[in-house]
Amino acid sequence: METTTQNDPGKTVAIISYITIIGFIIAIVMHNDNKNKSELGAFHIRQALGIFITGFSLMIVSLIFAFIPILGWMIVVLIQISYIGLFVFWILGLIAAVNAEKKALPLIGDFYQNLLKGIK
């Protein structure tokens, strides 16, 4: 866990990246500006994108299983319950961004840091 200074312009990018898809796009644009570019901002952009990708993937799987009677419906219910966990991950990421910490999310954080390492 690394903590940066309060003057870090990447902190704003980090916080905005968690606030909806529109905020994520704004964070990407801000991060591409050289005065806002920082490792903290890139870290949280990768984490937020990981949350969005996971949520979208769960939604697609849920739509596929929705057409399978009984067993599929039970799987859909489990997927819907997993959205609570995804919401908790979102809160954890947002708190880490507000505190200017580079703290990976449980379960999915390190995976998405490696997968999205091209975002710098």
C-alpha atoms as a PDB file:
ATOM      1  CA  MET A   1       0.000   0.000   0.000  1.00  0.00           C
ATOM      2  CA  GLU A   2       1.535   3.245  -1.176  1.00  0.00           C
ATOM      3  CA  THR A   3       0.291   6.661  -0.169  1.00  0.00           C
ATOM      4  CA  THR A   4       0.992   9.736  -2.277  1.00  0.00           C
ATOM      5  CA  THR A   5       0.913  13.388  -1.344  1.00  0.00           C
ATOM      6  CA  GLN A   6      -2.298  15.422  -1.278  1.00  0.00           C
ATOM      7  CA  ASN A   7      -1.012  17.666  -4.117  1.00  0.00           C
ATOM      8  CA  ASP A   8      -0.952  14.796  -6.589  1.00  0.00           C
ATOM      9  CA  PRO A   9      -3.067  15.731  -9.626  1.00  0.00           C
ATOM     10  CA  GLY A  10      -3.590  12.014 -10.242  1.00  0.00           C
ATOM     11  CA  LYS A  11      -5.820  11.862  -7.169  1.00  0.00           C
ATOM     12  CA  THR A  12      -8.570  13.729  -9.016  1.00  0.00           C
ATOM     13  CA  VAL A  13      -8.277  11.345 -11.963  1.00  0.00           C
ATOM     14  CA  ALA A  14      -8.380   8.394  -9.572  1.00  0.00           C
ATOM     15  CA  ILE A  15     -11.575   9.562  -7.879  1.00  0.00           C
ATOM     16  CA  ILE A  16     -13.372  10.538 -11.094  1.00  0.00           C
ATOM     17  CA  SER A  17     -12.570   7.176 -12.708  1.00  0.00           C
ATOM     18  CA  TYR A  18     -14.975   5.410 -10.324  1.00  0.00           C
ATOM     19  CA  ILE A  19     -17.936   7.723 -10.938  1.00  0.00           C
ATOM     20  CA  THR A  20     -19.993   6.102 -13.738  1.00  0.00           C
ATOM     21  CA  ILE A  21     -18.894   5.415 -17.286  1.00  0.00           C
ATOM     22  CA  ILE A  22     -19.024   9.140 -18.121  1.00  0.00           C
ATOM     23  CA  GLY A  23     -16.680   9.884 -15.214  1.00  0.00           C
ATOM     24  CA  PHE A  24     -14.409   7.086 -16.383  1.00  0.00           C
ATOM     25  CA  ILE A  25     -14.190   8.634 -19.866  1.00  0.00           C
ATOM     26  CA  ILE A  26     -13.480  12.049 -18.334  1.00  0.00           C
ATOM     27  CA  ALA A  27     -10.728  10.460 -16.192  1.00  0.00           C
ATOM     28  CA  ILE A  28      -9.141   8.906 -19.307  1.00  0.00           C
ATOM     29  CA  VAL A  29      -9.150  12.274 -21.081  1.00  0.00           C
ATOM     30  CA  MET A  30      -7.718  14.035 -18.021  1.00  0.00           C
ATOM     31  CA  HIS A  31      -5.078  11.330 -17.593  1.00  0.00           C
ATOM     32  CA  ASN A  32      -3.890  11.779 -21.183  1.00  0.00           C
ATOM     33  CA  ASP A  33      -3.015  15.390 -20.359  1.00  0.00           C
ATOM     34  CA  ASN A  34       0.633  15.504 -19.265  1.00  0.00           C
ATOM     35  CA  LYS A  35      -0.013  17.639 -16.173  1.00  0.00           C
ATOM     36  CA  ASN A  36      -2.500  15.096 -14.760  1.00  0.00           C
ATOM     37  CA  LYS A  37      -0.588  11.948 -15.723  1.00  0.00           C
ATOM     38  CA  SER A  38       0.461   9.910 -12.685  1.00  0.00           C
ATOM     39  CA  GLU A  39       0.881   6.328 -11.600  1.00  0.00           C
ATOM     40  CA  LEU A  40      -1.918   6.741  -9.050  1.00  0.00           C
ATOM     41  CA  GLY A  41      -4.353   7.848 -11.757  1.00  0.00           C
ATOM     42  CA  ALA A  42      -3.358   4.990 -14.069  1.00  0.00           C
ATOM     43  CA  PHE A  43      -3.669   2.461 -11.237  1.00  0.00           C
ATOM     44  CA  HIS A  44      -7.224   3.515 -10.400  1.00  0.00           C
ATOM     45  CA  ILE A  45      -8.244   3.778 -14.053  1.00  0.00           C
ATOM     46  CA  ARG A  46      -7.233   0.109 -14.428  1.00  0.00           C
ATOM     47  CA  GLN A  47      -9.117  -0.838 -11.252  1.00  0.00           C
ATOM     48  CA  ALA A  48     -12.288   1.026 -12.284  1.00  0.00           C
ATOM     49  CA  LEU A  49     -12.167  -0.456 -15.779  1.00  0.00           C
ATOM     50  CA  GLY A  50     -11.828  -3.885 -14.176  1.00  0.00           C
ATOM     51  CA  ILE A  51     -14.982  -3.298 -12.139  1.00  0.00           C
ATOM     52  CA  PHE A  52     -16.868  -2.132 -15.243  1.00  0.00           C
ATOM     53  CA  ILE A  53     -15.662  -5.113 -17.310  1.00  0.00           C
ATOM     54  CA  THR A  54     -16.616  -7.553 -14.557  1.00  0.00           C
ATOM     55  CA  GLY A  55     -20.071  -6.010 -14.188  1.00  0.00           C
ATOM     56  CA  PHE A  56     -20.683  -6.057 -17.935  1.00  0.00           C
ATOM     57  CA  SER A  57     -19.494  -9.669 -18.188  1.00  0.00           C
ATOM     58  CA  LEU A  58     -21.802 -10.728 -15.359  1.00  0.00           C
ATOM     59  CA  MET A  59     -24.684  -8.995 -17.105  1.00  0.00           C
ATOM     60  CA  ILE A  60     -24.020 -10.862 -20.381  1.00  0.00           C
ATOM     61  CA  VAL A  61     -23.761 -14.229 -18.586  1.00  0.00           C
ATOM     62  CA  SER A  62     -26.954 -13.446 -16.695  1.00  0.00           C
ATOM     63  CA  LEU A  63     -28.785 -12.698 -19.940  1.00  0.00           C
ATOM     64  CA  ILE A  64     -27.640 -15.997 -21.427  1.00  0.00           C
ATOM     65  CA  PHE A  65     -28.714 -18.073 -18.415  1.00  0.00           C
ATOM     66  CA  ALA A  66     -32.057 -16.257 -18.132  1.00  0.00           C
ATOM     67  CA  PHE A  67     -33.407 -18.369 -21.004  1.00  0.00           C
ATOM     68  CA  ILE A  68     -32.657 -21.692 -19.283  1.00  0.00           C
ATOM     69  CA  PRO A  69     -35.541 -22.755 -17.034  1.00  0.00           C
ATOM     70  CA  ILE A  70     -34.984 -23.441 -13.324  1.00  0.00           C
ATOM     71  CA  LEU A  71     -31.221 -24.136 -13.210  1.00  0.00           C
ATOM     72  CA  GLY A  72     -30.481 -21.080 -15.338  1.00  0.00           C
ATOM     73  CA  TRP A  73     -32.762 -18.955 -13.212  1.00  0.00           C
ATOM     74  CA  MET A  74     -30.948 -20.072 -10.066  1.00  0.00           C
ATOM     75  CA  ILE A  75     -27.643 -19.120 -11.658  1.00  0.00           C
ATOM     76  CA  VAL A  76     -29.101 -15.725 -12.587  1.00  0.00           C
ATOM     77  CA  VAL A  77     -30.093 -15.178  -8.944  1.00  0.00           C
ATOM     78  CA  LEU A  78     -26.538 -16.002  -7.826  1.00  0.00           C
ATOM     79  CA  ILE A  79     -25.151 -13.580 -10.391  1.00  0.00           C
ATOM     80  CA  GLN A  80     -27.530 -10.892  -9.183  1.00  0.00           C
ATOM     81  CA  ILE A  81     -26.324 -11.464  -5.627  1.00  0.00           C
ATOM     82  CA  SER A  82     -22.714 -11.130  -6.802  1.00  0.00           C
ATOM     83  CA  TYR A  83     -23.497  -7.539  -7.827  1.00  0.00           C
ATOM     84  CA  ILE A  84     -23.496  -6.738  -4.104  1.00  0.00           C
ATOM     85  CA  GLY A  85     -19.877  -7.883  -3.950  1.00  0.00           C
ATOM     86  CA  LEU A  86     -19.062  -5.818  -7.015  1.00  0.00           C
ATOM     87  CA  PHE A  87     -20.628  -2.785  -5.329  1.00  0.00           C
ATOM     88  CA  VAL A  88     -18.441  -3.415  -2.264  1.00  0.00           C
ATOM     89  CA  PHE A  89     -15.373  -3.562  -4.554  1.00  0.00           C
ATOM     90  CA  TRP A  90     -16.450  -0.242  -6.083  1.00  0.00           C
ATOM     91  CA  ILE A  91     -16.703   1.326  -2.605  1.00  0.00           C
ATOM     92  CA  LEU A  92     -13.276  -0.060  -1.629  1.00  0.00           C
ATOM     93  CA  GLY A  93     -11.717   1.322  -4.813  1.00  0.00           C
ATOM     94  CA  LEU A  94     -13.303   4.713  -4.325  1.00  0.00           C
ATOM     95  CA  ILE A  95     -12.109   4.895  -0.706  1.00  0.00           C
ATOM     96  CA  ALA A  96      -8.576   3.963  -1.792  1.00  0.00           C
ATOM     97  CA  ALA A  97      -8.689   6.686  -4.474  1.00  0.00           C
ATOM     98  CA  VAL A  98      -9.888   9.307  -1.977  1.00  0.00           C
ATOM     99  CA  ASN A  99      -7.068   8.325   0.376  1.00  0.00           C
ATOM    100  CA  ALA A 100      -4.571   8.387  -2.550  1.00  0.00           C
ATOM    101  CA  GLU A 101      -3.610   4.741  -1.968  1.00  0.00           C
ATOM    102  CA  LYS A 102      -2.629   2.235  -4.619  1.00  0.00           C
ATOM    103  CA  LYS A 103      -4.477  -0.666  -3.040  1.00  0.00           C
ATOM    104  CA  ALA A 104      -5.599  -3.506  -5.328  1.00  0.00           C
ATOM    105  CA  LEU A 105      -9.178  -4.725  -5.050  1.00  0.00           C
ATOM    106  CA  PRO A 106      -9.716  -8.175  -3.531  1.00  0.00           C
ATOM    107  CA  LEU A 107      -9.986 -11.070  -6.005  1.00  0.00           C
ATOM    108  CA  ILE A 108      -9.984  -9.019  -9.224  1.00  0.00           C
ATOM    109  CA  GLY A 109      -7.542  -6.162  -8.584  1.00  0.00           C
ATOM    110  CA  ASP A 110      -4.239  -7.856  -9.372  1.00  0.00           C
ATOM    111  CA  PHE A 111      -5.752  -9.680 -12.358  1.00  0.00           C
ATOM    112  CA  TYR A 112      -6.866  -6.433 -13.979  1.00  0.00           C
ATOM    113  CA  GLN A 113      -3.622  -4.657 -13.099  1.00  0.00           C
ATOM    114  CA  ASN A 114      -1.764  -7.310 -15.123  1.00  0.00           C
ATOM    115  CA  LEU A 115      -4.354  -7.510 -17.902  1.00  0.00           C
ATOM    116  CA  LEU A 116      -4.574  -3.742 -18.402  1.00  0.00           C
ATOM    117  CA  LYS A 117      -0.915  -2.876 -17.831  1.00  0.00           C
ATOM    118  CA  GLY A 118      -0.899  -1.065 -21.185  1.00  0.00           C
ATOM    119  CA  ILE A 119      -2.759   1.815 -19.562  1.00  0.00           C
ATOM    120  CA  LYS A 120       0.016   4.053 -18.282  1.00  0.00           C
END
